[in-house]
Amino acid sequence: MMKKFVLLFVVCVNVGCAQLNPYNWWKSSDKEPKQEEQLGPNRFLWEAATDKLSFMNGIVANKESGTIITEWTKIESVEYKVEVRVLSNRLSSDCLKVEVWERLRKEKNEKVVKNTTLTKKTEMIIFNKARELYRKSLNLE
């Protein structure tokens, strides 16, 4: 009788402590939202992107989804459109996706291409500005 009581006690304690056990295999962790999903985009990447793209025409920004899209802006003889996505709340270069599109017009022909050189440069400029904003928030500069 005592063995059954001890066994029942051990099972009850283990089931009760299962919520505290990080290795609990039957607890579904995908029901709980991740912290990254709750917080939205990284504020430093977001501020840097909006600051650096402020000269572009018609900025459409959605902070909840972390997306910034500009309208076509003519610089010299070429038109550019920029799309920025801040993918996470972490301050990391892989959390920033930038695409710079270039529209070339000759008479009646129009050609839209992705400018990979400008894409990489814009991404680095935004990331460096975000790093600067982060350091200022820590009072390192």
Protein backbone atom coordinates (compact mmCIF):
# COMPACT_ATOMS: atom_id res chain seq x y z
CA MET A 1 0.00 0.00 0.00
CA MET A 2 2.83 2.37 0.89
CA LYS A 3 4.54 1.74 -2.48
CA LYS A 4 1.34 2.71 -4.34
CA PHE A 5 1.06 5.91 -2.30
CA VAL A 6 4.71 6.86 -2.97
CA LEU A 7 4.28 6.10 -6.68
CA LEU A 8 1.10 8.21 -6.82
CA PHE A 9 2.86 11.05 -4.97
CA VAL A 10 5.83 11.00 -7.37
CA VAL A 11 3.55 11.04 -10.42
CA CYS A 12 1.50 13.95 -9.03
CA VAL A 13 4.62 15.98 -8.23
CA ASN A 14 6.09 15.37 -11.69
CA VAL A 15 2.89 16.32 -13.46
CA GLY A 16 2.51 19.42 -11.28
CA CYS A 17 6.09 20.52 -11.97
CA ALA A 18 5.83 19.81 -15.68
CA GLN A 19 5.02 23.45 -16.41
CA LEU A 20 8.37 24.44 -14.90
CA ASN A 21 10.38 21.78 -16.73
CA PRO A 22 12.10 23.22 -19.85
CA TYR A 23 12.57 19.69 -21.24
CA ASN A 24 8.87 18.88 -21.08
CA TRP A 25 8.24 17.04 -24.34
CA TRP A 26 4.44 17.01 -24.13
CA LYS A 27 4.09 20.72 -23.52
CA SER A 28 3.36 22.48 -26.82
CA SER A 29 5.63 25.51 -27.07
CA ASP A 30 4.28 26.70 -30.41
CA LYS A 31 1.00 27.76 -28.75
CA GLU A 32 2.83 30.53 -26.93
CA PRO A 33 3.88 33.52 -29.03
CA LYS A 34 7.59 34.12 -29.23
CA GLN A 35 9.01 37.26 -27.69
CA GLU A 36 10.26 38.44 -31.09
CA GLU A 37 6.75 38.28 -32.53
CA GLN A 38 5.34 40.34 -29.68
CA LEU A 39 7.81 43.20 -29.88
CA GLY A 40 7.82 44.02 -33.62
CA PRO A 41 10.85 45.33 -35.51
CA ASN A 42 14.07 46.46 -33.90
CA ARG A 43 13.65 50.11 -33.01
CA PHE A 44 17.19 51.09 -33.99
CA LEU A 45 16.94 49.49 -37.44
CA TRP A 46 13.49 51.04 -37.87
CA GLU A 47 14.61 54.55 -36.89
CA ALA A 48 17.74 54.30 -39.05
CA ALA A 49 15.76 53.16 -42.09
CA THR A 50 13.13 55.90 -41.77
CA ASP A 51 15.85 58.51 -41.21
CA LYS A 52 17.98 57.45 -44.17
CA LEU A 53 15.01 57.16 -46.54
CA SER A 54 13.39 60.44 -45.50
CA PHE A 55 14.52 62.15 -48.73
CA MET A 56 12.53 59.69 -50.89
CA ASN A 57 9.04 60.47 -52.18
CA GLY A 58 5.89 58.91 -50.73
CA ILE A 59 7.15 56.74 -47.92
CA VAL A 60 4.63 54.11 -46.82
CA ALA A 61 5.70 52.67 -43.49
CA ASN A 62 4.04 49.97 -41.42
CA LYS A 63 5.85 49.54 -38.11
CA GLU A 64 3.83 46.49 -37.05
CA SER A 65 5.06 44.48 -40.03
CA GLY A 66 8.43 46.27 -40.18
CA THR A 67 7.97 47.32 -43.81
CA ILE A 68 8.94 50.57 -45.50
CA ILE A 69 8.21 51.14 -49.19
CA THR A 70 8.93 54.32 -51.10
CA GLU A 71 7.44 55.60 -54.33
CA TRP A 72 9.58 56.08 -57.41
CA THR A 73 11.97 58.99 -56.81
CA LYS A 74 13.94 60.59 -59.63
CA ILE A 75 17.60 61.21 -58.83
CA GLU A 76 19.48 62.70 -61.78
CA SER A 77 18.14 60.79 -64.80
CA VAL A 78 17.23 57.53 -63.05
CA GLU A 79 14.20 56.68 -60.87
CA TYR A 80 14.61 54.57 -57.73
CA LYS A 81 12.25 52.71 -55.43
CA VAL A 82 13.36 51.23 -52.09
CA GLU A 83 11.77 48.47 -50.03
CA VAL A 84 13.04 47.82 -46.49
CA ARG A 85 11.93 45.03 -44.18
CA VAL A 86 13.02 44.79 -40.55
CA LEU A 87 12.50 41.10 -39.90
CA SER A 88 13.08 40.82 -36.16
CA ASN A 89 13.54 42.74 -32.94
CA ARG A 90 17.24 41.84 -32.86
CA LEU A 91 19.93 44.28 -33.96
CA SER A 92 21.59 42.07 -36.53
CA SER A 93 22.40 42.46 -40.21
CA ASP A 94 20.42 39.34 -41.10
CA CYS A 95 17.30 41.00 -39.66
CA LEU A 96 17.37 43.72 -42.31
CA LYS A 97 16.31 43.14 -45.91
CA VAL A 98 16.70 45.97 -48.43
CA GLU A 99 15.84 46.05 -52.12
CA VAL A 100 16.62 49.00 -54.38
CA TRP A 101 14.85 49.02 -57.73
CA GLU A 102 15.98 51.13 -60.65
CA ARG A 103 13.68 52.23 -63.47
CA LEU A 104 15.28 53.23 -66.73
CA ARG A 105 13.21 54.95 -69.40
CA LYS A 106 14.26 55.40 -73.00
CA GLU A 107 11.61 56.81 -75.29
CA LYS A 108 8.71 54.33 -74.97
CA ASN A 109 10.72 51.54 -73.40
CA GLU A 110 10.82 51.06 -69.65
CA LYS A 111 13.11 48.68 -67.79
CA VAL A 112 12.93 47.92 -64.05
CA VAL A 113 15.90 46.10 -62.51
CA LYS A 114 17.14 45.39 -59.02
CA ASN A 115 20.34 47.31 -58.35
CA THR A 116 22.39 44.94 -56.21
CA THR A 117 25.23 47.41 -55.64
CA LEU A 118 22.91 50.09 -54.29
CA THR A 119 20.99 47.46 -52.32
CA LYS A 120 24.14 46.41 -50.44
CA LYS A 121 25.28 50.02 -49.91
CA THR A 122 21.86 51.08 -48.62
CA GLU A 123 21.71 48.08 -46.30
CA MET A 124 25.15 48.94 -44.84
CA ILE A 125 24.24 52.63 -44.45
CA ILE A 126 21.04 51.75 -42.56
CA PHE A 127 22.80 49.16 -40.40
CA ASN A 128 25.66 51.54 -39.52
CA LYS A 129 23.14 54.24 -38.56
CA ALA A 130 21.27 51.70 -36.40
CA ARG A 131 24.53 50.74 -34.69
CA GLU A 132 25.23 54.43 -34.05
CA LEU A 133 21.75 54.91 -32.54
CA TYR A 134 22.25 51.86 -30.35
CA ARG A 135 25.59 53.15 -29.06
CA LYS A 136 24.05 56.53 -28.32
CA SER A 137 21.34 54.81 -26.30
CA LEU A 138 24.08 53.18 -24.20
CA ASN A 139 25.89 56.54 -23.84
CA LEU A 140 29.04 55.15 -25.45
CA GLU A 141 29.55 58.13 -27.74
